[in-house]
All heavy atoms as atom14 arrays in JSON, in Angstrom:
{
  "sequence": "CRVCKGEGWIEVLGCGLVDPFLLEWVNYDPERYSGFAFG",
  "atom14_mask": [
    [1, 1, 1, 1, 1, 1, 0, 0, 0, 0, 0, 0, 0, 0],
    [1, 1, 1, 1, 1, 1, 1, 1, 1, 1, 1, 0, 0, 0],
    [1, 1, 1, 1, 1, 1, 1, 0, 0, 0, 0, 0, 0, 0],
    [1, 1, 1, 1, 1, 1, 0, 0, 0, 0, 0, 0, 0, 0],
    [1, 1, 1, 1, 1, 1, 1, 1, 1, 0, 0, 0, 0, 0],
    [1, 1, 1, 1, 0, 0, 0, 0, 0, 0, 0, 0, 0, 0],
    [1, 1, 1, 1, 1, 1, 1, 1, 1, 0, 0, 0, 0, 0],
    [1, 1, 1, 1, 0, 0, 0, 0, 0, 0, 0, 0, 0, 0],
    [1, 1, 1, 1, 1, 1, 1, 1, 1, 1, 1, 1, 1, 1],
    [1, 1, 1, 1, 1, 1, 1, 1, 0, 0, 0, 0, 0, 0],
    [1, 1, 1, 1, 1, 1, 1, 1, 1, 0, 0, 0, 0, 0],
    [1, 1, 1, 1, 1, 1, 1, 0, 0, 0, 0, 0, 0, 0],
    [1, 1, 1, 1, 1, 1, 1, 1, 0, 0, 0, 0, 0, 0],
    [1, 1, 1, 1, 0, 0, 0, 0, 0, 0, 0, 0, 0, 0],
    [1, 1, 1, 1, 1, 1, 0, 0, 0, 0, 0, 0, 0, 0],
    [1, 1, 1, 1, 0, 0, 0, 0, 0, 0, 0, 0, 0, 0],
    [1, 1, 1, 1, 1, 1, 1, 1, 0, 0, 0, 0, 0, 0],
    [1, 1, 1, 1, 1, 1, 1, 0, 0, 0, 0, 0, 0, 0],
    [1, 1, 1, 1, 1, 1, 1, 1, 0, 0, 0, 0, 0, 0],
    [1, 1, 1, 1, 1, 1, 1, 0, 0, 0, 0, 0, 0, 0],
    [1, 1, 1, 1, 1, 1, 1, 1, 1, 1, 1, 0, 0, 0],
    [1, 1, 1, 1, 1, 1, 1, 1, 0, 0, 0, 0, 0, 0],
    [1, 1, 1, 1, 1, 1, 1, 1, 0, 0, 0, 0, 0, 0],
    [1, 1, 1, 1, 1, 1, 1, 1, 1, 0, 0, 0, 0, 0],
    [1, 1, 1, 1, 1, 1, 1, 1, 1, 1, 1, 1, 1, 1],
    [1, 1, 1, 1, 1, 1, 1, 0, 0, 0, 0, 0, 0, 0],
    [1, 1, 1, 1, 1, 1, 1, 1, 0, 0, 0, 0, 0, 0],
    [1, 1, 1, 1, 1, 1, 1, 1, 1, 1, 1, 1, 0, 0],
    [1, 1, 1, 1, 1, 1, 1, 1, 0, 0, 0, 0, 0, 0],
    [1, 1, 1, 1, 1, 1, 1, 0, 0, 0, 0, 0, 0, 0],
    [1, 1, 1, 1, 1, 1, 1, 1, 1, 0, 0, 0, 0, 0],
    [1, 1, 1, 1, 1, 1, 1, 1, 1, 1, 1, 0, 0, 0],
    [1, 1, 1, 1, 1, 1, 1, 1, 1, 1, 1, 1, 0, 0],
    [1, 1, 1, 1, 1, 1, 0, 0, 0, 0, 0, 0, 0, 0],
    [1, 1, 1, 1, 0, 0, 0, 0, 0, 0, 0, 0, 0, 0],
    [1, 1, 1, 1, 1, 1, 1, 1, 1, 1, 1, 0, 0, 0],
    [1, 1, 1, 1, 1, 0, 0, 0, 0, 0, 0, 0, 0, 0],
    [1, 1, 1, 1, 1, 1, 1, 1, 1, 1, 1, 0, 0, 0],
    [1, 1, 1, 1, 0, 0, 0, 0, 0, 0, 0, 0, 0, 0]
  ],
  "atom14_positions": [
    [[-13.01, -33.26, 51.89], [-13.79, -32.12, 51.61], [-14.47, -32.38, 50.19], [-14.32, -33.47, 49.62], [-12.92, -30.89, 51.39], [-11.75, -30.92, 50.14], [0.0, 0.0, 0.0], [0.0, 0.0, 0.0], [0.0, 0.0, 0.0], [0.0, 0.0, 0.0], [0.0, 0.0, 0.0], [0.0, 0.0, 0.0], [0.0, 0.0, 0.0], [0.0, 0.0, 0.0]],
    [[-15.17, -31.39, 49.57], [-15.84, -31.52, 48.41], [-14.88, -31.78, 47.24], [-15.1, -32.57, 46.33], [-16.66, -30.28, 48.08], [-17.42, -30.29, 46.8], [-18.2, -29.04, 46.62], [-17.34, -27.92, 46.55], [-16.67, -27.43, 45.51], [-16.81, -28.11, 44.34], [-15.91, -26.4, 45.46], [0.0, 0.0, 0.0], [0.0, 0.0, 0.0], [0.0, 0.0, 0.0]],
    [[-13.72, -31.11, 47.29], [-12.79, -31.25, 46.11], [-12.26, -32.65, 46.01], [-12.13, -33.19, 44.93], [-11.6, -30.22, 46.3], [-10.54, -30.44, 45.22], [-12.07, -28.79, 46.27], [0.0, 0.0, 0.0], [0.0, 0.0, 0.0], [0.0, 0.0, 0.0], [0.0, 0.0, 0.0], [0.0, 0.0, 0.0], [0.0, 0.0, 0.0], [0.0, 0.0, 0.0]],
    [[-11.88, -33.24, 47.11], [-11.39, -34.67, 47.14], [-12.44, -35.74, 47.38], [-12.14, -36.88, 47.5], [-10.29, -34.84, 48.19], [-10.84, -34.67, 49.85], [0.0, 0.0, 0.0], [0.0, 0.0, 0.0], [0.0, 0.0, 0.0], [0.0, 0.0, 0.0], [0.0, 0.0, 0.0], [0.0, 0.0, 0.0], [0.0, 0.0, 0.0], [0.0, 0.0, 0.0]],
    [[-13.75, -35.31, 47.35], [-14.91, -36.16, 47.52], [-14.75, -36.87, 48.9], [-15.18, -38.11, 48.91], [-15.0, -37.11, 46.39], [-15.22, -36.44, 45.14], [-15.32, -37.39, 43.94], [-15.59, -36.64, 42.66], [-15.62, -37.55, 41.44], [0.0, 0.0, 0.0], [0.0, 0.0, 0.0], [0.0, 0.0, 0.0], [0.0, 0.0, 0.0], [0.0, 0.0, 0.0]],
    [[-14.21, -36.22, 49.88], [-14.27, -36.75, 51.22], [-13.1, -37.8, 51.45], [-12.95, -38.41, 52.62], [0.0, 0.0, 0.0], [0.0, 0.0, 0.0], [0.0, 0.0, 0.0], [0.0, 0.0, 0.0], [0.0, 0.0, 0.0], [0.0, 0.0, 0.0], [0.0, 0.0, 0.0], [0.0, 0.0, 0.0], [0.0, 0.0, 0.0], [0.0, 0.0, 0.0]],
    [[-12.21, -38.03, 50.41], [-11.2, -39.11, 50.59], [-9.88, -38.49, 51.16], [-9.12, -39.25, 51.73], [-10.94, -39.77, 49.22], [-12.06, -40.5, 48.7], [-11.79, -41.21, 47.45], [-10.62, -41.06, 46.91], [-12.66, -41.86, 46.85], [0.0, 0.0, 0.0], [0.0, 0.0, 0.0], [0.0, 0.0, 0.0], [0.0, 0.0, 0.0], [0.0, 0.0, 0.0]],
    [[-9.65, -37.25, 51.09], [-8.39, -36.63, 51.6], [-7.24, -36.7, 50.52], [-6.18, -36.18, 50.8], [0.0, 0.0, 0.0], [0.0, 0.0, 0.0], [0.0, 0.0, 0.0], [0.0, 0.0, 0.0], [0.0, 0.0, 0.0], [0.0, 0.0, 0.0], [0.0, 0.0, 0.0], [0.0, 0.0, 0.0], [0.0, 0.0, 0.0], [0.0, 0.0, 0.0]],
    [[-7.44, -37.44, 49.4], [-6.46, -37.63, 48.45], [-7.11, -37.4, 47.08], [-8.21, -37.5, 46.74], [-5.89, -38.99, 48.42], [-5.13, -39.44, 49.77], [-5.76, -39.88, 50.87], [-3.84, -39.25, 49.98], [-4.78, -40.13, 51.84], [-3.58, -39.63, 51.35], [-2.74, -38.73, 49.26], [-2.31, -39.6, 51.96], [-1.4, -38.72, 49.88], [-1.29, -39.17, 51.17]],
    [[-6.22, -36.86, 46.1], [-6.64, -36.62, 44.74], [-5.71, -37.27, 43.77], [-4.5, -37.17, 43.84], [-6.55, -35.0, 44.46], [-7.58, -34.28, 45.4], [-6.89, -34.83, 43.06], [-7.46, -32.86, 45.27], [0.0, 0.0, 0.0], [0.0, 0.0, 0.0], [0.0, 0.0, 0.0], [0.0, 0.0, 0.0], [0.0, 0.0, 0.0], [0.0, 0.0, 0.0]],
    [[-6.34, -38.08, 42.86], [-5.51, -38.84, 41.91], [-4.95, -37.82, 40.84], [-5.73, -36.97, 40.34], [-6.31, -39.89, 41.16], [-5.61, -40.61, 40.08], [-6.56, -41.55, 39.33], [-7.52, -42.02, 39.88], [-6.35, -41.66, 38.11], [0.0, 0.0, 0.0], [0.0, 0.0, 0.0], [0.0, 0.0, 0.0], [0.0, 0.0, 0.0], [0.0, 0.0, 0.0]],
    [[-3.7, -37.82, 40.55], [-3.0, -36.83, 39.74], [-2.51, -37.43, 38.46], [-2.67, -36.85, 37.37], [-2.01, -36.14, 40.54], [-1.18, -35.21, 39.63], [-2.48, -35.36, 41.66], [0.0, 0.0, 0.0], [0.0, 0.0, 0.0], [0.0, 0.0, 0.0], [0.0, 0.0, 0.0], [0.0, 0.0, 0.0], [0.0, 0.0, 0.0], [0.0, 0.0, 0.0]],
    [[-1.8, -38.53, 38.54], [-1.16, -39.09, 37.35], [-0.82, -40.52, 37.44], [-0.94, -41.15, 38.57], [0.16, -38.25, 37.12], [1.17, -38.14, 38.24], [2.08, -39.39, 38.25], [2.02, -36.9, 38.05], [0.0, 0.0, 0.0], [0.0, 0.0, 0.0], [0.0, 0.0, 0.0], [0.0, 0.0, 0.0], [0.0, 0.0, 0.0], [0.0, 0.0, 0.0]],
    [[-0.4, -41.14, 36.24], [0.07, -42.49, 36.26], [1.52, -42.48, 36.0], [2.06, -41.57, 35.34], [0.0, 0.0, 0.0], [0.0, 0.0, 0.0], [0.0, 0.0, 0.0], [0.0, 0.0, 0.0], [0.0, 0.0, 0.0], [0.0, 0.0, 0.0], [0.0, 0.0, 0.0], [0.0, 0.0, 0.0], [0.0, 0.0, 0.0], [0.0, 0.0, 0.0]],
    [[2.19, -43.5, 36.48], [3.69, -43.51, 36.36], [4.23, -44.96, 36.56], [3.4, -45.95, 36.73], [4.29, -42.6, 37.4], [3.81, -43.09, 39.13], [0.0, 0.0, 0.0], [0.0, 0.0, 0.0], [0.0, 0.0, 0.0], [0.0, 0.0, 0.0], [0.0, 0.0, 0.0], [0.0, 0.0, 0.0], [0.0, 0.0, 0.0], [0.0, 0.0, 0.0]],
    [[5.51, -45.12, 36.47], [6.15, -46.46, 36.71], [7.54, -46.43, 36.1], [8.01, -45.49, 35.51], [0.0, 0.0, 0.0], [0.0, 0.0, 0.0], [0.0, 0.0, 0.0], [0.0, 0.0, 0.0], [0.0, 0.0, 0.0], [0.0, 0.0, 0.0], [0.0, 0.0, 0.0], [0.0, 0.0, 0.0], [0.0, 0.0, 0.0], [0.0, 0.0, 0.0]],
    [[8.22, -47.53, 36.4], [9.57, -47.74, 35.79], [9.34, -48.29, 34.33], [8.46, -49.07, 34.05], [10.34, -48.81, 36.62], [10.64, -48.42, 38.06], [11.54, -49.44, 38.68], [11.43, -47.0, 38.05], [0.0, 0.0, 0.0], [0.0, 0.0, 0.0], [0.0, 0.0, 0.0], [0.0, 0.0, 0.0], [0.0, 0.0, 0.0], [0.0, 0.0, 0.0]],
    [[10.26, -47.8, 33.42], [10.12, -48.16, 32.05], [10.27, -49.59, 31.82], [11.3, -50.22, 32.4], [11.15, -47.35, 31.24], [11.16, -47.81, 29.78], [11.0, -45.9, 31.35], [0.0, 0.0, 0.0], [0.0, 0.0, 0.0], [0.0, 0.0, 0.0], [0.0, 0.0, 0.0], [0.0, 0.0, 0.0], [0.0, 0.0, 0.0], [0.0, 0.0, 0.0]],
    [[9.3, -50.29, 31.19], [9.44, -51.69, 30.88], [10.66, -51.98, 30.02], [10.93, -51.27, 29.06], [8.11, -52.18, 30.23], [7.98, -53.66, 30.2], [8.91, -54.3, 29.65], [7.06, -54.16, 30.71], [0.0, 0.0, 0.0], [0.0, 0.0, 0.0], [0.0, 0.0, 0.0], [0.0, 0.0, 0.0], [0.0, 0.0, 0.0], [0.0, 0.0, 0.0]],
    [[11.45, -53.07, 30.38], [12.62, -53.35, 29.59], [12.28, -53.55, 28.09], [13.17, -53.38, 27.21], [13.11, -54.65, 30.2], [12.65, -54.53, 31.6], [11.35, -53.83, 31.63], [0.0, 0.0, 0.0], [0.0, 0.0, 0.0], [0.0, 0.0, 0.0], [0.0, 0.0, 0.0], [0.0, 0.0, 0.0], [0.0, 0.0, 0.0], [0.0, 0.0, 0.0]],
    [[11.05, -53.9, 27.75], [10.57, -54.15, 26.36], [10.83, -52.87, 25.63], [11.41, -52.92, 24.46], [9.15, -54.51, 26.37], [8.56, -54.59, 24.93], [8.67, -55.83, 24.25], [8.05, -53.61, 24.28], [8.14, -55.96, 23.03], [7.45, -53.65, 22.98], [7.6, -54.94, 22.35], [0.0, 0.0, 0.0], [0.0, 0.0, 0.0], [0.0, 0.0, 0.0]],
    [[10.58, -51.66, 26.16], [10.82, -50.4, 25.47], [12.27, -50.17, 25.22], [12.66, -49.59, 24.21], [10.19, -49.19, 26.17], [8.73, -48.95, 26.05], [7.83, -50.12, 26.56], [8.28, -47.63, 26.66], [0.0, 0.0, 0.0], [0.0, 0.0, 0.0], [0.0, 0.0, 0.0], [0.0, 0.0, 0.0], [0.0, 0.0, 0.0], [0.0, 0.0, 0.0]],
    [[13.15, -50.46, 26.3], [14.51, -50.25, 26.14], [15.18, -51.12, 25.02], [15.96, -50.62, 24.29], [15.19, -50.6, 27.47], [14.74, -49.71, 28.69], [15.41, -50.03, 30.02], [14.93, -48.17, 28.43], [0.0, 0.0, 0.0], [0.0, 0.0, 0.0], [0.0, 0.0, 0.0], [0.0, 0.0, 0.0], [0.0, 0.0, 0.0], [0.0, 0.0, 0.0]],
    [[14.7, -52.32, 24.98], [15.27, -53.27, 23.93], [14.82, -52.77, 22.57], [15.44, -52.92, 21.53], [14.74, -54.65, 24.18], [15.28, -55.32, 25.48], [14.7, -56.65, 25.74], [13.77, -57.07, 25.16], [15.27, -57.36, 26.69], [0.0, 0.0, 0.0], [0.0, 0.0, 0.0], [0.0, 0.0, 0.0], [0.0, 0.0, 0.0], [0.0, 0.0, 0.0]],
    [[13.53, -52.19, 22.47], [12.97, -51.73, 21.21], [13.92, -50.69, 20.56], [14.06, -50.6, 19.34], [11.61, -51.2, 21.35], [10.9, -50.72, 20.13], [11.13, -49.56, 19.44], [9.97, -51.5, 19.28], [10.38, -49.46, 18.33], [9.7, -50.65, 18.23], [9.41, -52.68, 19.44], [8.68, -50.98, 17.28], [8.51, -53.08, 18.52], [8.15, -52.25, 17.35]],
    [[14.51, -49.76, 21.44], [15.32, -48.69, 20.92], [16.81, -49.07, 21.06], [17.66, -48.15, 20.94], [15.01, -47.38, 21.7], [13.57, -46.93, 21.44], [15.19, -47.6, 23.31], [0.0, 0.0, 0.0], [0.0, 0.0, 0.0], [0.0, 0.0, 0.0], [0.0, 0.0, 0.0], [0.0, 0.0, 0.0], [0.0, 0.0, 0.0], [0.0, 0.0, 0.0]],
    [[17.08, -50.34, 21.39], [18.48, -50.78, 21.42], [19.29, -50.2, 22.63], [20.48, -49.91, 22.45], [19.25, -50.49, 20.11], [18.66, -51.29, 18.94], [18.27, -52.39, 19.06], [18.55, -50.62, 17.76], [0.0, 0.0, 0.0], [0.0, 0.0, 0.0], [0.0, 0.0, 0.0], [0.0, 0.0, 0.0], [0.0, 0.0, 0.0], [0.0, 0.0, 0.0]],
    [[18.54, -49.99, 23.7], [19.22, -49.66, 25.0], [19.5, -50.99, 25.73], [18.62, -51.84, 25.61], [18.32, -48.75, 25.8], [18.3, -47.28, 25.41], [18.87, -46.82, 24.13], [17.63, -46.3, 26.17], [18.78, -45.48, 23.77], [17.56, -45.03, 25.77], [18.12, -44.59, 24.6], [18.01, -43.23, 24.18], [0.0, 0.0, 0.0], [0.0, 0.0, 0.0]],
    [[20.54, -51.02, 26.35], [20.87, -52.25, 27.14], [20.12, -52.24, 28.45], [20.42, -51.39, 29.3], [22.37, -52.25, 27.44], [22.83, -53.58, 28.14], [21.87, -54.44, 28.44], [24.02, -53.73, 28.38], [0.0, 0.0, 0.0], [0.0, 0.0, 0.0], [0.0, 0.0, 0.0], [0.0, 0.0, 0.0], [0.0, 0.0, 0.0], [0.0, 0.0, 0.0]],
    [[19.11, -53.06, 28.62], [18.26, -53.05, 29.88], [19.09, -53.52, 31.08], [18.6, -53.31, 32.17], [17.12, -53.99, 29.54], [17.59, -54.85, 28.5], [18.59, -54.1, 27.68], [0.0, 0.0, 0.0], [0.0, 0.0, 0.0], [0.0, 0.0, 0.0], [0.0, 0.0, 0.0], [0.0, 0.0, 0.0], [0.0, 0.0, 0.0], [0.0, 0.0, 0.0]],
    [[20.25, -54.17, 30.85], [21.02, -54.57, 32.01], [21.81, -53.41, 32.58], [22.2, -53.38, 33.65], [21.99, -55.67, 31.57], [21.29, -57.0, 31.06], [20.5, -57.59, 32.24], [20.88, -57.54, 33.36], [19.37, -58.25, 31.94], [0.0, 0.0, 0.0], [0.0, 0.0, 0.0], [0.0, 0.0, 0.0], [0.0, 0.0, 0.0], [0.0, 0.0, 0.0]],
    [[22.02, -52.42, 31.75], [22.87, -51.26, 32.11], [21.98, -50.03, 32.44], [22.24, -49.33, 33.39], [23.76, -50.81, 30.94], [24.73, -49.58, 31.25], [25.58, -49.35, 30.09], [26.38, -48.08, 30.38], [27.16, -47.58, 29.51], [27.36, -48.2, 28.27], [27.86, -46.47, 29.78], [0.0, 0.0, 0.0], [0.0, 0.0, 0.0], [0.0, 0.0, 0.0]],
    [[20.85, -49.88, 31.71], [20.07, -48.65, 31.85], [18.69, -49.05, 32.4], [18.08, -50.08, 32.18], [19.85, -47.89, 30.57], [21.16, -47.42, 29.97], [21.75, -48.04, 28.85], [21.84, -46.31, 30.55], [22.89, -47.53, 28.32], [22.98, -45.82, 30.02], [23.57, -46.48, 28.92], [24.75, -46.01, 28.38], [0.0, 0.0, 0.0], [0.0, 0.0, 0.0]],
    [[18.14, -48.1, 33.22], [16.71, -48.27, 33.68], [16.09, -46.81, 33.59], [16.85, -45.86, 33.38], [16.69, -48.79, 35.08], [17.41, -47.93, 35.95], [0.0, 0.0, 0.0], [0.0, 0.0, 0.0], [0.0, 0.0, 0.0], [0.0, 0.0, 0.0], [0.0, 0.0, 0.0], [0.0, 0.0, 0.0], [0.0, 0.0, 0.0], [0.0, 0.0, 0.0]],
    [[14.86, -46.71, 33.78], [14.27, -45.37, 33.77], [12.85, -45.44, 34.32], [12.32, -46.43, 34.75], [0.0, 0.0, 0.0], [0.0, 0.0, 0.0], [0.0, 0.0, 0.0], [0.0, 0.0, 0.0], [0.0, 0.0, 0.0], [0.0, 0.0, 0.0], [0.0, 0.0, 0.0], [0.0, 0.0, 0.0], [0.0, 0.0, 0.0], [0.0, 0.0, 0.0]],
    [[12.28, -44.14, 34.4], [10.85, -44.12, 34.83], [10.13, -43.14, 33.84], [10.75, -42.31, 33.13], [10.72, -43.63, 36.29], [11.36, -42.2, 36.49], [10.7, -41.01, 36.16], [12.57, -42.07, 37.18], [11.16, -39.82, 36.37], [13.06, -40.84, 37.45], [12.37, -39.64, 37.13], [0.0, 0.0, 0.0], [0.0, 0.0, 0.0], [0.0, 0.0, 0.0]],
    [[8.86, -43.26, 33.84], [7.96, -42.39, 33.04], [6.79, -42.05, 33.82], [6.35, -42.81, 34.65], [7.63, -43.12, 31.69], [0.0, 0.0, 0.0], [0.0, 0.0, 0.0], [0.0, 0.0, 0.0], [0.0, 0.0, 0.0], [0.0, 0.0, 0.0], [0.0, 0.0, 0.0], [0.0, 0.0, 0.0], [0.0, 0.0, 0.0], [0.0, 0.0, 0.0]],
    [[6.14, -40.98, 33.4], [4.86, -40.49, 34.06], [4.08, -39.72, 33.04], [4.69, -39.2, 32.05], [5.12, -39.72, 35.34], [6.05, -38.48, 35.09], [5.53, -37.24, 34.6], [7.4, -38.57, 35.21], [6.26, -36.21, 34.46], [8.22, -37.45, 34.99], [7.64, -36.23, 34.61], [0.0, 0.0, 0.0], [0.0, 0.0, 0.0], [0.0, 0.0, 0.0]],
    [[2.71, -39.64, 33.22], [1.97, -38.91, 32.33], [0.7, -38.35, 33.11], [0.25, -39.04, 33.97], [0.0, 0.0, 0.0], [0.0, 0.0, 0.0], [0.0, 0.0, 0.0], [0.0, 0.0, 0.0], [0.0, 0.0, 0.0], [0.0, 0.0, 0.0], [0.0, 0.0, 0.0], [0.0, 0.0, 0.0], [0.0, 0.0, 0.0], [0.0, 0.0, 0.0]]
  ]
}
């Protein structure tokens, strides 16, 4: 339709699993902890 520009899907946000680099920066153990983030 017009809202989705004929694609049927609408892009909403970006996301992913937290890069271990960030966990190491804050002294979290990346072998023990994992996470996700979105915006």
